[in-house]
Amino acid sequence: MAVGIADVHKSIQSAWSAHGIDWEFKKYWVEADRTEYETIHDQVATPTQPFPYCVYELATLLVESRDSGHDVTEKHQTLNIPCDFKVYAKKTGNQSPKVVAAALAEVLLGKFGGHPTVKPVQLVLDNGNVLLMQYQSEMSIREGDDEYSWMISYSIKVDVPVKVG
């Protein structure tokens, strides 16, 4: 895993906790599950995971450019990293799974970008900078009679240092 990808994973996890996204999912859960399970998972959730939850995936990064800094041993790479968040929901109380998934997708759009009235949070990297987290698309999917998912796709452009020599 490249430093750029590792930093983006860490930054997403940090933003998830720091900006209250975790609670938006856990408020649908029974009290006992709130301390035992996570609400966000990298690529796949555990089989016993309570609903709703989110799975995200960072696809293969694309190096868009390379350049040198002030020092001949300092180089920078601009990376484009496709990222998908997928919210999974089941019927909760009198709310349909589609309504729950849509409400949580709106939370993600407000935090990571794509919401029409909310400015997104800035992801922070240990090494480098997030230049842009750009909303690409979203899609709702009926997974079964009582399950729905909502996928939101982003493109994350980062500038990361690379030492050479």
N, C-alpha and C. Protein backbone atom coordinates (compact mmCIF):
# COMPACT_ATOMS: atom_id res chain seq x y z
N MET A 1 0.86 -1.17 0.00
CA MET A 1 0.00 0.00 0.00
C MET A 1 0.90 1.23 0.00
N ALA A 2 0.67 2.12 -0.92
CA ALA A 2 1.46 3.34 -1.03
C ALA A 2 1.12 4.29 0.11
N VAL A 3 2.07 5.15 0.42
CA VAL A 3 1.85 6.13 1.49
C VAL A 3 0.61 6.97 1.19
N GLY A 4 0.42 7.38 -0.05
CA GLY A 4 -0.75 8.18 -0.41
C GLY A 4 -2.04 7.48 -0.10
N ILE A 5 -2.16 6.21 -0.45
CA ILE A 5 -3.37 5.43 -0.18
C ILE A 5 -3.55 5.22 1.32
N ALA A 6 -2.47 4.88 2.01
CA ALA A 6 -2.55 4.66 3.46
C ALA A 6 -3.01 5.92 4.17
N ASP A 7 -2.49 7.06 3.76
CA ASP A 7 -2.89 8.33 4.36
C ASP A 7 -4.37 8.64 4.09
N VAL A 8 -4.84 8.32 2.90
CA VAL A 8 -6.25 8.58 2.57
C VAL A 8 -7.15 7.68 3.41
N HIS A 9 -6.79 6.41 3.57
CA HIS A 9 -7.57 5.52 4.45
C HIS A 9 -7.66 6.11 5.85
N LYS A 10 -6.52 6.49 6.39
CA LYS A 10 -6.46 7.05 7.75
C LYS A 10 -7.30 8.33 7.85
N SER A 11 -7.22 9.16 6.83
CA SER A 11 -7.95 10.42 6.82
C SER A 11 -9.47 10.21 6.77
N ILE A 12 -9.92 9.25 5.98
CA ILE A 12 -11.35 8.94 5.91
C ILE A 12 -11.84 8.44 7.26
N GLN A 13 -11.10 7.53 7.87
CA GLN A 13 -11.48 7.00 9.19
C GLN A 13 -11.53 8.12 10.23
N SER A 14 -10.55 9.01 10.19
CA SER A 14 -10.49 10.12 11.14
C SER A 14 -11.67 11.08 10.95
N ALA A 15 -11.96 11.43 9.70
CA ALA A 15 -13.09 12.33 9.42
C ALA A 15 -14.41 11.69 9.82
N TRP A 16 -14.52 10.38 9.63
CA TRP A 16 -15.74 9.65 9.97
C TRP A 16 -16.06 9.81 11.45
N SER A 17 -15.03 9.67 12.28
CA SER A 17 -15.23 9.79 13.74
C SER A 17 -15.37 11.25 14.17
N ALA A 18 -14.48 12.11 13.68
CA ALA A 18 -14.42 13.50 14.14
C ALA A 18 -15.64 14.33 13.75
N HIS A 19 -16.33 13.96 12.69
CA HIS A 19 -17.43 14.78 12.19
C HIS A 19 -18.81 14.16 12.41
N GLY A 20 -18.90 13.21 13.35
CA GLY A 20 -20.20 12.69 13.78
C GLY A 20 -20.89 11.73 12.84
N ILE A 21 -20.20 11.26 11.82
CA ILE A 21 -20.84 10.34 10.88
C ILE A 21 -21.17 9.02 11.58
N ASP A 22 -20.26 8.59 12.44
CA ASP A 22 -20.44 7.34 13.18
C ASP A 22 -21.79 7.32 13.90
N TRP A 23 -22.11 8.40 14.59
CA TRP A 23 -23.36 8.45 15.35
C TRP A 23 -24.58 8.41 14.44
N GLU A 24 -24.49 9.02 13.26
CA GLU A 24 -25.63 9.02 12.34
C GLU A 24 -26.07 7.60 11.98
N PHE A 25 -25.12 6.66 11.96
CA PHE A 25 -25.43 5.26 11.71
C PHE A 25 -25.86 4.56 13.00
N LYS A 26 -25.11 4.79 14.07
CA LYS A 26 -25.37 4.08 15.33
C LYS A 26 -26.70 4.45 15.98
N LYS A 27 -27.25 5.59 15.65
CA LYS A 27 -28.53 5.97 16.25
C LYS A 27 -29.66 5.02 15.82
N TYR A 28 -29.45 4.27 14.75
CA TYR A 28 -30.43 3.28 14.31
C TYR A 28 -30.24 1.92 15.01
N TRP A 29 -29.13 1.74 15.69
CA TRP A 29 -28.79 0.45 16.30
C TRP A 29 -29.33 0.32 17.71
N VAL A 30 -29.42 -0.93 18.18
CA VAL A 30 -29.74 -1.17 19.59
C VAL A 30 -28.50 -0.80 20.41
N GLU A 31 -28.73 -0.42 21.64
CA GLU A 31 -27.65 0.06 22.52
C GLU A 31 -26.47 -0.91 22.61
N ALA A 32 -26.73 -2.20 22.72
CA ALA A 32 -25.65 -3.19 22.89
C ALA A 32 -24.69 -3.23 21.71
N ASP A 33 -25.18 -2.96 20.52
CA ASP A 33 -24.33 -3.01 19.31
C ASP A 33 -23.44 -1.78 19.15
N ARG A 34 -23.77 -0.69 19.80
CA ARG A 34 -23.06 0.59 19.59
C ARG A 34 -21.60 0.55 20.01
N THR A 35 -21.25 -0.28 20.96
CA THR A 35 -19.84 -0.37 21.38
C THR A 35 -19.13 -1.58 20.79
N GLU A 36 -19.88 -2.51 20.25
CA GLU A 36 -19.27 -3.75 19.74
C GLU A 36 -18.89 -3.67 18.27
N TYR A 37 -19.59 -2.88 17.47
CA TYR A 37 -19.39 -2.87 16.02
C TYR A 37 -18.96 -1.50 15.52
N GLU A 38 -18.30 -1.49 14.39
CA GLU A 38 -17.93 -0.27 13.68
C GLU A 38 -19.02 0.01 12.64
N THR A 39 -19.13 1.27 12.23
CA THR A 39 -20.12 1.62 11.23
C THR A 39 -19.53 1.72 9.83
N ILE A 40 -18.20 1.83 9.74
CA ILE A 40 -17.54 1.93 8.44
C ILE A 40 -16.51 0.81 8.31
N HIS A 41 -16.45 0.25 7.11
CA HIS A 41 -15.56 -0.89 6.86
C HIS A 41 -14.83 -0.69 5.54
N ASP A 42 -13.59 -1.14 5.52
CA ASP A 42 -12.79 -1.11 4.31
C ASP A 42 -13.08 -2.37 3.50
N GLN A 43 -13.79 -2.23 2.42
CA GLN A 43 -14.13 -3.25 1.43
C GLN A 43 -15.22 -4.23 1.83
N VAL A 44 -15.25 -4.72 3.07
CA VAL A 44 -16.27 -5.71 3.43
C VAL A 44 -16.57 -5.62 4.94
N ALA A 45 -17.83 -5.88 5.29
CA ALA A 45 -18.24 -5.88 6.70
C ALA A 45 -18.31 -7.32 7.20
N THR A 46 -18.33 -7.47 8.51
CA THR A 46 -18.46 -8.80 9.11
C THR A 46 -19.88 -9.33 8.89
N PRO A 47 -20.06 -10.65 8.88
CA PRO A 47 -21.39 -11.22 8.65
C PRO A 47 -22.44 -10.82 9.70
N THR A 48 -22.00 -10.53 10.92
CA THR A 48 -22.94 -10.19 11.99
C THR A 48 -23.16 -8.68 12.12
N GLN A 49 -22.66 -7.91 11.19
CA GLN A 49 -22.74 -6.45 11.23
C GLN A 49 -24.19 -5.97 11.29
N PRO A 50 -24.53 -5.12 12.29
CA PRO A 50 -25.88 -4.56 12.32
C PRO A 50 -26.07 -3.51 11.22
N PHE A 51 -27.32 -3.36 10.80
CA PHE A 51 -27.68 -2.35 9.80
C PHE A 51 -28.12 -1.09 10.51
N PRO A 52 -27.93 0.05 9.89
CA PRO A 52 -27.20 0.36 8.68
C PRO A 52 -25.70 0.43 8.93
N TYR A 53 -24.94 0.30 7.86
CA TYR A 53 -23.48 0.42 7.92
C TYR A 53 -22.98 0.88 6.56
N CYS A 54 -21.67 1.17 6.49
CA CYS A 54 -21.08 1.66 5.26
C CYS A 54 -19.81 0.89 4.96
N VAL A 55 -19.61 0.57 3.69
CA VAL A 55 -18.38 -0.04 3.20
C VAL A 55 -17.80 0.94 2.19
N TYR A 56 -16.50 1.18 2.31
CA TYR A 56 -15.87 2.04 1.32
C TYR A 56 -14.69 1.31 0.69
N GLU A 57 -14.33 1.74 -0.51
CA GLU A 57 -13.22 1.12 -1.21
C GLU A 57 -12.47 2.17 -2.00
N LEU A 58 -11.15 2.13 -1.85
CA LEU A 58 -10.28 2.99 -2.66
C LEU A 58 -9.74 2.13 -3.79
N ALA A 59 -9.99 2.55 -5.01
CA ALA A 59 -9.53 1.77 -6.17
C ALA A 59 -8.06 2.08 -6.46
N THR A 60 -7.53 1.43 -7.45
CA THR A 60 -6.14 1.64 -7.84
C THR A 60 -5.90 3.10 -8.16
N LEU A 61 -4.87 3.65 -7.54
CA LEU A 61 -4.58 5.05 -7.77
C LEU A 61 -3.94 5.26 -9.14
N LEU A 62 -4.16 6.44 -9.69
CA LEU A 62 -3.58 6.81 -10.96
C LEU A 62 -2.63 7.98 -10.73
N VAL A 63 -1.37 7.85 -11.13
CA VAL A 63 -0.42 8.95 -11.02
C VAL A 63 -0.70 9.89 -12.18
N GLU A 64 -1.10 11.12 -11.86
CA GLU A 64 -1.43 12.09 -12.90
C GLU A 64 -0.22 12.93 -13.31
N SER A 65 0.65 13.22 -12.33
CA SER A 65 1.84 14.01 -12.66
C SER A 65 2.90 13.82 -11.58
N ARG A 66 4.12 14.17 -11.96
CA ARG A 66 5.26 14.16 -11.04
C ARG A 66 6.03 15.45 -11.27
N ASP A 67 6.54 16.03 -10.18
CA ASP A 67 7.37 17.23 -10.34
C ASP A 67 8.36 17.31 -9.19
N SER A 68 9.33 18.19 -9.32
CA SER A 68 10.32 18.35 -8.25
C SER A 68 10.03 19.60 -7.46
N GLY A 69 10.48 19.58 -6.21
CA GLY A 69 10.30 20.72 -5.33
C GLY A 69 11.53 21.60 -5.34
N HIS A 70 11.74 22.34 -4.25
CA HIS A 70 12.87 23.26 -4.15
C HIS A 70 14.19 22.51 -4.04
N ASP A 71 14.16 21.33 -3.47
CA ASP A 71 15.36 20.51 -3.26
C ASP A 71 15.38 19.42 -4.32
N VAL A 72 16.53 19.14 -4.90
CA VAL A 72 16.61 18.13 -5.97
C VAL A 72 16.23 16.74 -5.48
N THR A 73 16.26 16.51 -4.17
CA THR A 73 15.88 15.19 -3.64
C THR A 73 14.39 15.11 -3.31
N GLU A 74 13.68 16.20 -3.52
CA GLU A 74 12.25 16.23 -3.21
C GLU A 74 11.43 16.18 -4.49
N LYS A 75 10.55 15.22 -4.57
CA LYS A 75 9.63 15.08 -5.70
C LYS A 75 8.21 15.03 -5.16
N HIS A 76 7.27 15.38 -6.00
CA HIS A 76 5.86 15.30 -5.66
C HIS A 76 5.13 14.52 -6.73
N GLN A 77 4.10 13.82 -6.31
CA GLN A 77 3.22 13.12 -7.24
C GLN A 77 1.80 13.60 -7.00
N THR A 78 1.08 13.85 -8.07
CA THR A 78 -0.34 14.13 -7.97
C THR A 78 -1.05 12.83 -8.33
N LEU A 79 -1.84 12.34 -7.38
CA LEU A 79 -2.53 11.06 -7.55
C LEU A 79 -4.02 11.28 -7.63
N ASN A 80 -4.68 10.48 -8.43
CA ASN A 80 -6.13 10.47 -8.49
C ASN A 80 -6.58 9.11 -7.97
N ILE A 81 -7.36 9.10 -6.91
CA ILE A 81 -7.78 7.86 -6.27
C ILE A 81 -9.31 7.76 -6.31
N PRO A 82 -9.85 6.84 -7.11
CA PRO A 82 -11.30 6.63 -7.09
C PRO A 82 -11.73 6.03 -5.74
N CYS A 83 -12.84 6.52 -5.23
CA CYS A 83 -13.34 6.08 -3.92
C CYS A 83 -14.85 5.91 -3.98
N ASP A 84 -15.33 4.76 -3.51
CA ASP A 84 -16.76 4.50 -3.45
C ASP A 84 -17.17 4.23 -2.01
N PHE A 85 -18.25 4.88 -1.58
CA PHE A 85 -18.90 4.58 -0.31
C PHE A 85 -20.21 3.89 -0.63
N LYS A 86 -20.52 2.81 0.08
CA LYS A 86 -21.79 2.13 -0.15
C LYS A 86 -22.48 1.94 1.20
N VAL A 87 -23.63 2.57 1.36
CA VAL A 87 -24.43 2.49 2.57
C VAL A 87 -25.42 1.33 2.41
N TYR A 88 -25.48 0.46 3.42
CA TYR A 88 -26.43 -0.65 3.43
C TYR A 88 -27.43 -0.41 4.54
N ALA A 89 -28.72 -0.55 4.21
CA ALA A 89 -29.77 -0.30 5.21
C ALA A 89 -30.87 -1.34 5.09
N LYS A 90 -31.51 -1.60 6.24
CA LYS A 90 -32.72 -2.42 6.31
C LYS A 90 -33.82 -1.58 6.92
N LYS A 91 -35.04 -2.08 6.84
CA LYS A 91 -36.17 -1.37 7.44
C LYS A 91 -35.90 -1.16 8.92
N THR A 92 -36.14 0.07 9.37
CA THR A 92 -35.92 0.42 10.77
C THR A 92 -37.18 1.09 11.30
N GLY A 93 -37.84 0.42 12.23
CA GLY A 93 -39.11 0.96 12.75
C GLY A 93 -40.10 1.08 11.61
N ASN A 94 -40.62 2.29 11.40
CA ASN A 94 -41.57 2.49 10.31
C ASN A 94 -40.90 3.09 9.06
N GLN A 95 -39.56 3.19 9.07
CA GLN A 95 -38.83 3.74 7.93
C GLN A 95 -38.39 2.62 6.98
N SER A 96 -38.66 2.81 5.71
CA SER A 96 -38.26 1.82 4.71
C SER A 96 -36.74 1.82 4.57
N PRO A 97 -36.17 0.72 4.07
CA PRO A 97 -34.72 0.68 3.89
C PRO A 97 -34.23 1.76 2.92
N LYS A 98 -35.04 2.11 1.94
CA LYS A 98 -34.65 3.15 0.99
C LYS A 98 -34.57 4.51 1.67
N VAL A 99 -35.51 4.80 2.56
CA VAL A 99 -35.52 6.07 3.28
C VAL A 99 -34.30 6.17 4.20
N VAL A 100 -33.96 5.08 4.89
CA VAL A 100 -32.79 5.07 5.78
C VAL A 100 -31.52 5.24 4.96
N ALA A 101 -31.38 4.50 3.87
CA ALA A 101 -30.19 4.59 3.02
C ALA A 101 -30.05 6.00 2.44
N ALA A 102 -31.15 6.59 2.00
CA ALA A 102 -31.11 7.93 1.43
C ALA A 102 -30.71 8.97 2.48
N ALA A 103 -31.23 8.84 3.69
CA ALA A 103 -30.88 9.78 4.76
C ALA A 103 -29.39 9.71 5.09
N LEU A 104 -28.85 8.50 5.15
CA LEU A 104 -27.43 8.35 5.45
C LEU A 104 -26.55 8.77 4.28
N ALA A 105 -27.02 8.55 3.06
CA ALA A 105 -26.28 9.03 1.89
C ALA A 105 -26.20 10.56 1.92
N GLU A 106 -27.28 11.20 2.34
CA GLU A 106 -27.27 12.66 2.43
C GLU A 106 -26.24 13.13 3.46
N VAL A 107 -26.09 12.39 4.56
CA VAL A 107 -25.07 12.72 5.55
C VAL A 107 -23.69 12.65 4.91
N LEU A 108 -23.42 11.57 4.16
CA LEU A 108 -22.12 11.42 3.52
C LEU A 108 -21.88 12.52 2.48
N LEU A 109 -22.89 12.86 1.72
CA LEU A 109 -22.76 13.94 0.73
C LEU A 109 -22.44 15.27 1.41
N GLY A 110 -23.01 15.49 2.58
CA GLY A 110 -22.73 16.71 3.33
C GLY A 110 -21.33 16.75 3.91
N LYS A 111 -20.79 15.60 4.25
CA LYS A 111 -19.46 15.55 4.86
C LYS A 111 -18.33 15.46 3.83
N PHE A 112 -18.54 14.68 2.77
CA PHE A 112 -17.46 14.43 1.81
C PHE A 112 -17.63 15.18 0.48
N GLY A 113 -18.78 15.76 0.25
CA GLY A 113 -18.99 16.54 -0.97
C GLY A 113 -20.11 16.00 -1.83
N GLY A 114 -20.76 16.92 -2.53
CA GLY A 114 -21.85 16.56 -3.42
C GLY A 114 -23.21 17.04 -2.94
N HIS A 115 -23.29 17.51 -1.70
CA HIS A 115 -24.55 18.04 -1.17
C HIS A 115 -24.75 19.45 -1.73
N PRO A 116 -25.97 19.81 -2.11
CA PRO A 116 -26.17 21.12 -2.74
C PRO A 116 -26.05 22.32 -1.80
N THR A 117 -26.14 22.11 -0.48
CA THR A 117 -26.14 23.27 0.43
C THR A 117 -25.11 23.19 1.55
N VAL A 118 -24.30 22.11 1.60
CA VAL A 118 -23.37 21.93 2.72
C VAL A 118 -21.94 21.85 2.18
N LYS A 119 -21.06 22.64 2.78
CA LYS A 119 -19.64 22.61 2.41
C LYS A 119 -19.00 21.38 3.05
N PRO A 120 -18.27 20.57 2.26
CA PRO A 120 -17.67 19.35 2.81
C PRO A 120 -16.49 19.63 3.73
N VAL A 121 -16.17 18.65 4.57
CA VAL A 121 -15.00 18.73 5.45
C VAL A 121 -13.74 18.52 4.60
N GLN A 122 -12.62 18.97 5.11
CA GLN A 122 -11.34 18.79 4.42
C GLN A 122 -10.65 17.57 4.99
N LEU A 123 -10.30 16.62 4.14
CA LEU A 123 -9.51 15.47 4.57
C LEU A 123 -8.08 15.94 4.80
N VAL A 124 -7.45 15.46 5.87
CA VAL A 124 -6.10 15.86 6.23
C VAL A 124 -5.19 14.64 6.15
N LEU A 125 -4.06 14.79 5.45
CA LEU A 125 -3.08 13.71 5.31
C LEU A 125 -1.87 13.96 6.19
N ASP A 126 -1.22 12.90 6.64
CA ASP A 126 0.04 13.03 7.37
C ASP A 126 1.16 13.47 6.43
N ASN A 127 1.11 12.96 5.20
CA ASN A 127 2.15 13.25 4.20
C ASN A 127 1.48 13.74 2.93
N GLY A 128 1.51 15.03 2.70
CA GLY A 128 0.90 15.58 1.50
C GLY A 128 -0.41 16.27 1.79
N ASN A 129 -1.15 16.53 0.73
CA ASN A 129 -2.40 17.29 0.84
C ASN A 129 -3.47 16.70 -0.07
N VAL A 130 -4.71 16.78 0.40
CA VAL A 130 -5.84 16.47 -0.46
C VAL A 130 -6.14 17.75 -1.22
N LEU A 131 -5.99 17.70 -2.53
CA LEU A 131 -6.26 18.86 -3.36
C LEU A 131 -7.75 19.01 -3.63
N LEU A 132 -8.43 17.86 -3.80
CA LEU A 132 -9.84 17.90 -4.15
C LEU A 132 -10.46 16.53 -3.90
N MET A 133 -11.63 16.52 -3.26
CA MET A 133 -12.43 15.31 -3.18
C MET A 133 -13.70 15.65 -3.93
N GLN A 134 -13.78 15.13 -5.16
CA GLN A 134 -14.85 15.53 -6.06
C GLN A 134 -15.92 14.45 -6.19
N TYR A 135 -17.14 14.85 -5.93
CA TYR A 135 -18.31 13.98 -6.13
C TYR A 135 -18.40 13.60 -7.59
N GLN A 136 -18.62 12.30 -7.86
CA GLN A 136 -18.75 11.83 -9.24
C GLN A 136 -20.18 11.40 -9.56
N SER A 137 -20.74 10.53 -8.72
CA SER A 137 -22.07 10.01 -9.01
C SER A 137 -22.63 9.32 -7.78
N GLU A 138 -23.91 8.97 -7.86
CA GLU A 138 -24.54 8.16 -6.82
C GLU A 138 -25.61 7.30 -7.46
N MET A 139 -25.91 6.21 -6.77
CA MET A 139 -26.89 5.27 -7.30
C MET A 139 -27.52 4.53 -6.13
N SER A 140 -28.85 4.37 -6.19
CA SER A 140 -29.53 3.58 -5.17
C SER A 140 -29.86 2.22 -5.77
N ILE A 141 -29.76 1.19 -4.92
CA ILE A 141 -29.93 -0.18 -5.38
C ILE A 141 -30.82 -0.95 -4.41
N ARG A 142 -31.88 -1.54 -4.92
CA ARG A 142 -32.70 -2.42 -4.09
C ARG A 142 -31.98 -3.76 -4.03
N GLU A 143 -31.58 -4.16 -2.83
CA GLU A 143 -30.81 -5.39 -2.63
C GLU A 143 -31.71 -6.59 -2.35
N GLY A 144 -32.94 -6.36 -1.99
CA GLY A 144 -33.89 -7.42 -1.65
C GLY A 144 -35.16 -6.78 -1.12
N ASP A 145 -36.06 -7.60 -0.60
CA ASP A 145 -37.33 -7.07 -0.10
C ASP A 145 -37.16 -6.10 1.06
N ASP A 146 -36.15 -6.34 1.89
CA ASP A 146 -36.00 -5.50 3.07
C ASP A 146 -34.62 -4.88 3.20
N GLU A 147 -33.87 -4.80 2.10
CA GLU A 147 -32.53 -4.21 2.14
C GLU A 147 -32.32 -3.30 0.94
N TYR A 148 -31.66 -2.19 1.20
CA TYR A 148 -31.37 -1.20 0.17
C TYR A 148 -29.94 -0.72 0.35
N SER A 149 -29.32 -0.33 -0.74
CA SER A 149 -27.99 0.27 -0.63
C SER A 149 -27.96 1.56 -1.45
N TRP A 150 -27.00 2.40 -1.09
CA TRP A 150 -26.83 3.67 -1.79
C TRP A 150 -25.34 3.85 -1.98
N MET A 151 -24.89 3.93 -3.23
CA MET A 151 -23.47 4.07 -3.51
C MET A 151 -23.16 5.49 -3.98
N ILE A 152 -22.11 6.07 -3.40
CA ILE A 152 -21.65 7.40 -3.77
C ILE A 152 -20.19 7.27 -4.21
N SER A 153 -19.89 7.79 -5.38
CA SER A 153 -18.53 7.70 -5.93
C SER A 153 -17.86 9.07 -5.93
N TYR A 154 -16.58 9.05 -5.58
CA TYR A 154 -15.75 10.25 -5.54
C TYR A 154 -14.45 10.01 -6.28
N SER A 155 -13.80 11.09 -6.61
CA SER A 155 -12.44 11.06 -7.10
C SER A 155 -11.64 11.93 -6.14
N ILE A 156 -10.61 11.34 -5.52
CA ILE A 156 -9.80 12.08 -4.55
C ILE A 156 -8.45 12.38 -5.19
N LYS A 157 -8.17 13.67 -5.34
CA LYS A 157 -6.89 14.09 -5.93
C LYS A 157 -5.97 14.53 -4.78
N VAL A 158 -4.80 13.89 -4.69
CA VAL A 158 -3.85 14.21 -3.62
C VAL A 158 -2.48 14.55 -4.21
N ASP A 159 -1.76 15.35 -3.46
CA ASP A 159 -0.37 15.69 -3.78
C ASP A 159 0.47 15.11 -2.64
N VAL A 160 1.35 14.17 -2.97
CA VAL A 160 2.17 13.52 -1.94
C VAL A 160 3.65 13.66 -2.27
N PRO A 161 4.47 13.85 -1.22
CA PRO A 161 5.92 13.95 -1.45
C PRO A 161 6.53 12.56 -1.66
N VAL A 162 7.59 12.55 -2.43
CA VAL A 162 8.35 11.31 -2.66
C VAL A 162 9.82 11.69 -2.57
N LYS A 163 10.56 11.08 -1.64
CA LYS A 163 11.99 11.38 -1.51
C LYS A 163 12.77 10.47 -2.44
N VAL A 164 13.77 11.02 -3.07
CA VAL A 164 14.65 10.25 -3.94
C VAL A 164 16.10 10.60 -3.62
N GLY A 165 17.01 9.75 -4.10
CA GLY A 165 18.45 10.00 -3.97
C GLY A 165 18.97 9.96 -2.64
